[in-house]
Amino acid sequence: MKKMHGVARSFLDPMTWFQIVRLLHYYGYSHVVPRRRLTLGPGATIAPNVSLRNGERIVIGAGSKVGERAYLWAGDSVGRITIGENCRLGPEVFVTASDYGRMPGQNIAEQERDERDITIGDDVWLGARVFVGTGVTIGDGCVVSANSVVTRDLPAGAIAAGVPARVVRRREDYAQAEGASDTAPSEDAAGDRVAPAVKAEPQAG
């Protein structure tokens, strides 16, 4: 009975309904409105809780899929995000084409934004919680391990990992070596949404 009284108090509290209105407003400006403005290729899908900014500067190619709670933030004025065909972006991937200035002597929020285009090629797989910063180009066929931070361009066919992300293998390596399943990307129960951590190999130099 005491629990029911608590539930009733919550429903009768005006602040409960005010917060629901706030959540609906947030969903409207962070997903519904910008989704109408983005370019979505045939067969491409985005999860219903993806956060979007400036959808008119976002292009998602045919057959690509953007996972739950991902962020695609294009710039307010010029920074574009272009995602190629048949890509997979895992949960909580963050792609932003806009960055704050970092000059001393002025509040960060008051500085001019650094907006640069981001281009993600065809057949790219970004694992869960990958961050992609301004001005980055990720080549066709790249795989980026979960939790990596991409601040520089990645060549086509690269497998990258780390903070910042660096190339640790190439996809063609898997065609040359058998029994590499211990480091090869594997699908989870939801189907190819989460790239595993890739073990970095020694690099010459």
C-alpha atoms as a PDB file:
ATOM      1  CA  MET A   1       0.000   0.000   0.000  1.00  0.00           C
ATOM      2  CA  LYS A   2       2.841   2.374   0.863  1.00  0.00           C
ATOM      3  CA  LYS A   3       4.405   1.749  -2.548  1.00  0.00           C
ATOM      4  CA  MET A   4       1.111   2.590  -4.272  1.00  0.00           C
ATOM      5  CA  HIS A   5       0.946   5.880  -2.365  1.00  0.00           C
ATOM      6  CA  GLY A   6       4.455   6.700  -3.643  1.00  0.00           C
ATOM      7  CA  VAL A   7       3.426   5.965  -7.220  1.00  0.00           C
ATOM      8  CA  ALA A   8       0.335   8.128  -6.843  1.00  0.00           C
ATOM      9  CA  ARG A   9       2.384  11.025  -5.477  1.00  0.00           C
ATOM     10  CA  SER A  10       4.696  10.807  -8.474  1.00  0.00           C
ATOM     11  CA  PHE A  11       1.796  10.917 -10.933  1.00  0.00           C
ATOM     12  CA  LEU A  12       0.158  13.822  -9.140  1.00  0.00           C
ATOM     13  CA  ASP A  13       3.365  15.853  -8.866  1.00  0.00           C
ATOM     14  CA  PRO A  14       3.314  18.639 -11.532  1.00  0.00           C
ATOM     15  CA  MET A  15       7.094  18.349 -11.880  1.00  0.00           C
ATOM     16  CA  THR A  16       6.679  14.798 -13.204  1.00  0.00           C
ATOM     17  CA  TRP A  17       4.631  16.073 -16.129  1.00  0.00           C
ATOM     18  CA  PHE A  18       6.944  19.040 -16.613  1.00  0.00           C
ATOM     19  CA  GLN A  19       9.912  16.663 -16.983  1.00  0.00           C
ATOM     20  CA  ILE A  20       7.970  14.579 -19.524  1.00  0.00           C
ATOM     21  CA  VAL A  21       7.376  17.718 -21.576  1.00  0.00           C
ATOM     22  CA  ARG A  22      11.076  18.575 -21.342  1.00  0.00           C
ATOM     23  CA  LEU A  23      12.033  15.091 -22.532  1.00  0.00           C
ATOM     24  CA  LEU A  24       9.649  15.338 -25.480  1.00  0.00           C
ATOM     25  CA  HIS A  25      11.092  18.736 -26.371  1.00  0.00           C
ATOM     26  CA  TYR A  26      14.636  17.331 -26.151  1.00  0.00           C
ATOM     27  CA  TYR A  27      13.738  14.392 -28.377  1.00  0.00           C
ATOM     28  CA  GLY A  28      12.194  16.780 -30.864  1.00  0.00           C
ATOM     29  CA  TYR A  29      15.217  19.032 -31.329  1.00  0.00           C
ATOM     30  CA  SER A  30      17.867  16.331 -30.899  1.00  0.00           C
ATOM     31  CA  HIS A  31      16.387  13.689 -33.202  1.00  0.00           C
ATOM     32  CA  VAL A  32      13.017  14.284 -34.871  1.00  0.00           C
ATOM     33  CA  VAL A  33      13.674  17.697 -36.474  1.00  0.00           C
ATOM     34  CA  PRO A  34      17.271  17.091 -37.656  1.00  0.00           C
ATOM     35  CA  ARG A  35      16.341  13.607 -38.910  1.00  0.00           C
ATOM     36  CA  ARG A  36      13.914  15.165 -41.362  1.00  0.00           C
ATOM     37  CA  ARG A  37      16.761  17.224 -42.806  1.00  0.00           C
ATOM     38  CA  LEU A  38      19.481  14.597 -43.206  1.00  0.00           C
ATOM     39  CA  THR A  39      20.102  12.579 -46.359  1.00  0.00           C
ATOM     40  CA  LEU A  40      19.479   8.869 -45.767  1.00  0.00           C
ATOM     41  CA  GLY A  41      20.331   6.429 -48.560  1.00  0.00           C
ATOM     42  CA  PRO A  42      18.174   3.422 -49.522  1.00  0.00           C
ATOM     43  CA  GLY A  43      18.159   0.767 -46.792  1.00  0.00           C
ATOM     44  CA  ALA A  44      20.091   2.949 -44.320  1.00  0.00           C
ATOM     45  CA  THR A  45      18.784   3.046 -40.750  1.00  0.00           C
ATOM     46  CA  ILE A  46      19.482   4.977 -37.559  1.00  0.00           C
ATOM     47  CA  ALA A  47      18.378   4.006 -34.072  1.00  0.00           C
ATOM     48  CA  PRO A  48      15.489   6.064 -32.622  1.00  0.00           C
ATOM     49  CA  ASN A  49      17.687   7.450 -29.839  1.00  0.00           C
ATOM     50  CA  VAL A  50      20.578   8.732 -31.991  1.00  0.00           C
ATOM     51  CA  SER A  51      21.447  12.351 -31.177  1.00  0.00           C
ATOM     52  CA  LEU A  52      21.656  14.564 -34.285  1.00  0.00           C
ATOM     53  CA  ARG A  53      22.743  18.145 -34.880  1.00  0.00           C
ATOM     54  CA  ASN A  54      22.283  20.111 -38.111  1.00  0.00           C
ATOM     55  CA  GLY A  55      20.863  17.222 -40.124  1.00  0.00           C
ATOM     56  CA  GLU A  56      21.056  19.199 -43.375  1.00  0.00           C
ATOM     57  CA  ARG A  57      24.825  18.629 -43.255  1.00  0.00           C
ATOM     58  CA  ILE A  58      24.662  14.873 -42.577  1.00  0.00           C
ATOM     59  CA  VAL A  59      24.668  12.248 -45.344  1.00  0.00           C
ATOM     60  CA  ILE A  60      24.332   8.523 -44.600  1.00  0.00           C
ATOM     61  CA  GLY A  61      24.904   6.148 -47.503  1.00  0.00           C
ATOM     62  CA  ALA A  62      22.793   3.227 -48.658  1.00  0.00           C
ATOM     63  CA  GLY A  63      22.699   0.190 -46.375  1.00  0.00           C
ATOM     64  CA  SER A  64      24.512   1.859 -43.473  1.00  0.00           C
ATOM     65  CA  LYS A  65      23.322   1.418 -39.892  1.00  0.00           C
ATOM     66  CA  VAL A  66      23.857   3.764 -36.937  1.00  0.00           C
ATOM     67  CA  GLY A  67      23.527   2.098 -33.538  1.00  0.00           C
ATOM     68  CA  GLU A  68      21.846   3.019 -30.282  1.00  0.00           C
ATOM     69  CA  ARG A  69      22.734   6.247 -28.466  1.00  0.00           C
ATOM     70  CA  ALA A  70      25.200   7.337 -31.168  1.00  0.00           C
ATOM     71  CA  TYR A  71      25.916  11.028 -31.788  1.00  0.00           C
ATOM     72  CA  LEU A  72      26.234  12.643 -35.217  1.00  0.00           C
ATOM     73  CA  TRP A  73      26.919  16.333 -34.686  1.00  0.00           C
ATOM     74  CA  ALA A  74      27.515  18.344 -37.841  1.00  0.00           C
ATOM     75  CA  GLY A  75      28.709  21.943 -37.560  1.00  0.00           C
ATOM     76  CA  ASP A  76      26.419  24.914 -37.148  1.00  0.00           C
ATOM     77  CA  SER A  77      27.727  26.573 -40.318  1.00  0.00           C
ATOM     78  CA  VAL A  78      30.033  24.444 -42.514  1.00  0.00           C
ATOM     79  CA  GLY A  79      31.140  21.187 -40.868  1.00  0.00           C
ATOM     80  CA  ARG A  80      29.625  18.224 -42.725  1.00  0.00           C
ATOM     81  CA  ILE A  81      29.453  14.520 -41.845  1.00  0.00           C
ATOM     82  CA  THR A  82      29.426  12.101 -44.777  1.00  0.00           C
ATOM     83  CA  ILE A  83      29.054   8.382 -44.092  1.00  0.00           C
ATOM     84  CA  GLY A  84      29.487   5.972 -47.012  1.00  0.00           C
ATOM     85  CA  GLU A  85      27.553   2.891 -47.979  1.00  0.00           C
ATOM     86  CA  ASN A  86      27.193  -0.326 -45.936  1.00  0.00           C
ATOM     87  CA  CYS A  87      28.842   1.112 -42.819  1.00  0.00           C
ATOM     88  CA  ARG A  88      28.225  -0.004 -39.252  1.00  0.00           C
ATOM     89  CA  LEU A  89      28.406   2.464 -36.357  1.00  0.00           C
ATOM     90  CA  GLY A  90      28.160   0.743 -32.983  1.00  0.00           C
ATOM     91  CA  PRO A  91      26.393   1.968 -29.847  1.00  0.00           C
ATOM     92  CA  GLU A  92      27.482   5.358 -28.456  1.00  0.00           C
ATOM     93  CA  VAL A  93      29.773   6.235 -31.359  1.00  0.00           C
ATOM     94  CA  PHE A  94      30.417   9.989 -31.277  1.00  0.00           C
ATOM     95  CA  VAL A  95      31.146  11.835 -34.541  1.00  0.00           C
ATOM     96  CA  THR A  96      31.494  15.617 -34.334  1.00  0.00           C
ATOM     97  CA  ALA A  97      32.460  18.055 -37.086  1.00  0.00           C
ATOM     98  CA  SER A  98      32.574  20.998 -34.677  1.00  0.00           C
ATOM     99  CA  ASP A  99      35.074  21.754 -31.929  1.00  0.00           C
ATOM    100  CA  TYR A 100      35.575  24.591 -29.448  1.00  0.00           C
ATOM    101  CA  GLY A 101      38.514  26.962 -29.729  1.00  0.00           C
ATOM    102  CA  ARG A 102      41.318  26.647 -27.183  1.00  0.00           C
ATOM    103  CA  MET A 103      43.014  30.051 -27.225  1.00  0.00           C
ATOM    104  CA  PRO A 104      43.987  31.399 -23.792  1.00  0.00           C
ATOM    105  CA  GLY A 105      42.525  34.593 -22.389  1.00  0.00           C
ATOM    106  CA  GLN A 106      38.991  33.992 -23.676  1.00  0.00           C
ATOM    107  CA  ASN A 107      36.206  31.774 -22.441  1.00  0.00           C
ATOM    108  CA  ILE A 108      36.068  28.539 -24.434  1.00  0.00           C
ATOM    109  CA  ALA A 109      32.339  28.868 -25.061  1.00  0.00           C
ATOM    110  CA  GLU A 110      32.836  32.344 -26.567  1.00  0.00           C
ATOM    111  CA  GLN A 111      35.501  31.338 -29.092  1.00  0.00           C
ATOM    112  CA  GLU A 112      34.893  30.702 -32.759  1.00  0.00           C
ATOM    113  CA  ARG A 113      34.167  27.057 -33.507  1.00  0.00           C
ATOM    114  CA  ASP A 114      36.596  24.925 -35.466  1.00  0.00           C
ATOM    115  CA  GLU A 115      34.354  23.233 -38.046  1.00  0.00           C
ATOM    116  CA  ARG A 116      35.819  20.755 -40.523  1.00  0.00           C
ATOM    117  CA  ASP A 117      34.217  18.046 -42.636  1.00  0.00           C
ATOM    118  CA  ILE A 118      34.334  14.391 -41.611  1.00  0.00           C
ATOM    119  CA  THR A 119      34.283  11.723 -44.316  1.00  0.00           C
ATOM    120  CA  ILE A 120      33.725   8.053 -43.510  1.00  0.00           C
ATOM    121  CA  GLY A 121      34.152   5.757 -46.522  1.00  0.00           C
ATOM    122  CA  ASP A 122      32.208   2.700 -47.607  1.00  0.00           C
ATOM    123  CA  ASP A 123      32.183  -0.555 -45.612  1.00  0.00           C
ATOM    124  CA  VAL A 124      33.548   1.043 -42.425  1.00  0.00           C
ATOM    125  CA  TRP A 125      32.927  -0.495 -39.000  1.00  0.00           C
ATOM    126  CA  LEU A 126      33.215   1.750 -35.931  1.00  0.00           C
ATOM    127  CA  GLY A 127      33.018  -0.197 -32.680  1.00  0.00           C
ATOM    128  CA  ALA A 128      31.133   0.884 -29.587  1.00  0.00           C
ATOM    129  CA  ARG A 129      32.079   4.293 -28.138  1.00  0.00           C
ATOM    130  CA  VAL A 130      34.501   5.240 -30.917  1.00  0.00           C
ATOM    131  CA  PHE A 131      35.088   9.012 -31.069  1.00  0.00           C
ATOM    132  CA  VAL A 132      35.770  10.688 -34.434  1.00  0.00           C
ATOM    133  CA  GLY A 133      36.973  14.295 -34.330  1.00  0.00           C
ATOM    134  CA  THR A 134      36.841  17.211 -36.739  1.00  0.00           C
ATOM    135  CA  GLY A 135      38.490  17.018 -40.145  1.00  0.00           C
ATOM    136  CA  VAL A 136      39.038  13.246 -40.126  1.00  0.00           C
ATOM    137  CA  THR A 137      38.786  11.030 -43.201  1.00  0.00           C
ATOM    138  CA  ILE A 138      38.363   7.285 -42.617  1.00  0.00           C
ATOM    139  CA  GLY A 139      39.083   5.255 -45.755  1.00  0.00           C
ATOM    140  CA  ASP A 140      36.959   2.519 -47.285  1.00  0.00           C
ATOM    141  CA  GLY A 141      36.888  -0.783 -45.433  1.00  0.00           C
ATOM    142  CA  CYS A 142      38.372   0.446 -42.143  1.00  0.00           C
ATOM    143  CA  VAL A 143      37.627  -1.200 -38.804  1.00  0.00           C
ATOM    144  CA  VAL A 144      38.087   0.882 -35.638  1.00  0.00           C
ATOM    145  CA  SER A 145      38.190  -0.910 -32.308  1.00  0.00           C
ATOM    146  CA  ALA A 146      35.808  -0.057 -29.477  1.00  0.00           C
ATOM    147  CA  ASN A 147      36.656   2.979 -27.309  1.00  0.00           C
ATOM    148  CA  SER A 148      39.214   4.342 -29.792  1.00  0.00           C
ATOM    149  CA  VAL A 149      39.694   8.071 -30.447  1.00  0.00           C
ATOM    150  CA  VAL A 150      40.241   8.938 -34.115  1.00  0.00           C
ATOM    151  CA  THR A 151      41.977  12.302 -34.522  1.00  0.00           C
ATOM    152  CA  ARG A 152      43.872  11.646 -37.765  1.00  0.00           C
ATOM    153  CA  ASP A 153      43.033  10.174 -41.171  1.00  0.00           C
ATOM    154  CA  LEU A 154      43.000   6.385 -41.541  1.00  0.00           C
ATOM    155  CA  PRO A 155      43.929   4.728 -44.857  1.00  0.00           C
ATOM    156  CA  ALA A 156      41.585   2.341 -46.642  1.00  0.00           C
ATOM    157  CA  GLY A 157      41.521  -1.194 -45.264  1.00  0.00           C
ATOM    158  CA  ALA A 158      43.156  -0.280 -41.956  1.00  0.00           C
ATOM    159  CA  ILE A 159      42.310  -1.824 -38.594  1.00  0.00           C
ATOM    160  CA  ALA A 160      42.922   0.822 -35.947  1.00  0.00           C
ATOM    161  CA  ALA A 161      42.806   0.934 -32.162  1.00  0.00           C
ATOM    162  CA  GLY A 162      43.830   3.098 -29.264  1.00  0.00           C
ATOM    163  CA  VAL A 163      43.856   6.641 -27.934  1.00  0.00           C
ATOM    164  CA  PRO A 164      44.695   8.181 -30.281  1.00  0.00           C
ATOM    165  CA  ALA A 165      43.804   5.497 -32.819  1.00  0.00           C
ATOM    166  CA  ARG A 166      46.670   4.073 -34.877  1.00  0.00           C
ATOM    167  CA  VAL A 167      46.848   1.322 -37.465  1.00  0.00           C
ATOM    168  CA  VAL A 168      47.596  -2.046 -35.859  1.00  0.00           C
ATOM    169  CA  ARG A 169      46.717  -4.346 -38.742  1.00  0.00           C
ATOM    170  CA  ARG A 170      45.201  -4.361 -42.198  1.00  0.00           C
ATOM    171  CA  ARG A 171      42.162  -6.288 -43.317  1.00  0.00           C
ATOM    172  CA  GLU A 172      44.182  -8.028 -46.012  1.00  0.00           C
ATOM    173  CA  ASP A 173      46.239  -9.638 -43.227  1.00  0.00           C
ATOM    174  CA  TYR A 174      43.283 -11.893 -42.461  1.00  0.00           C
ATOM    175  CA  ALA A 175      43.359 -13.298 -45.962  1.00  0.00           C
ATOM    176  CA  GLN A 176      47.037 -14.205 -45.546  1.00  0.00           C
ATOM    177  CA  ALA A 177      46.972 -15.818 -42.109  1.00  0.00           C
ATOM    178  CA  GLU A 178      44.705 -18.623 -40.955  1.00  0.00           C
ATOM    179  CA  GLY A 179      43.767 -19.144 -37.339  1.00  0.00           C
ATOM    180  CA  ALA A 180      43.592 -15.419 -36.593  1.00  0.00           C
ATOM    181  CA  SER A 181      40.154 -15.682 -35.039  1.00  0.00           C
ATOM    182  CA  ASP A 182      41.503 -14.597 -31.640  1.00  0.00           C
ATOM    183  CA  THR A 183      41.915 -11.026 -32.919  1.00  0.00           C
ATOM    184  CA  ALA A 184      39.413 -10.952 -35.776  1.00  0.00           C
ATOM    185  CA  PRO A 185      36.245  -8.905 -35.291  1.00  0.00           C
ATOM    186  CA  SER A 186      33.296 -11.061 -34.273  1.00  0.00           C
ATOM    187  CA  GLU A 187      29.575 -10.438 -34.230  1.00  0.00           C
ATOM    188  CA  ASP A 188      27.684 -10.115 -30.994  1.00  0.00           C
ATOM    189  CA  ALA A 189      24.195 -11.419 -30.369  1.00  0.00           C
ATOM    190  CA  ALA A 190      22.666  -8.276 -31.877  1.00  0.00           C
ATOM    191  CA  GLY A 191      24.614  -8.730 -35.104  1.00  0.00           C
ATOM    192  CA  ASP A 192      27.883  -6.929 -35.933  1.00  0.00           C
ATOM    193  CA  ARG A 193      27.275  -3.927 -33.709  1.00  0.00           C
ATOM    194  CA  VAL A 194      30.258  -4.011 -31.380  1.00  0.00           C
ATOM    195  CA  ALA A 195      33.863  -4.263 -32.538  1.00  0.00           C
ATOM    196  CA  PRO A 196      36.139  -5.959 -29.996  1.00  0.00           C
ATOM    197  CA  ALA A 197      39.311  -4.463 -28.647  1.00  0.00           C
ATOM    198  CA  VAL A 198      42.136  -5.106 -31.105  1.00  0.00           C
ATOM    199  CA  LYS A 199      45.469  -6.108 -29.634  1.00  0.00           C
ATOM    200  CA  ALA A 200      48.146  -3.711 -30.804  1.00  0.00           C
ATOM    201  CA  GLU A 201      51.153  -5.292 -32.485  1.00  0.00           C
ATOM    202  CA  PRO A 202      54.704  -3.867 -32.367  1.00  0.00           C
ATOM    203  CA  GLN A 203      55.358  -1.275 -35.025  1.00  0.00           C
ATOM    204  CA  ALA A 204      58.718  -0.742 -36.656  1.00  0.00           C
ATOM    205  CA  GLY A 205      60.347   2.556 -35.731  1.00  0.00           C
END
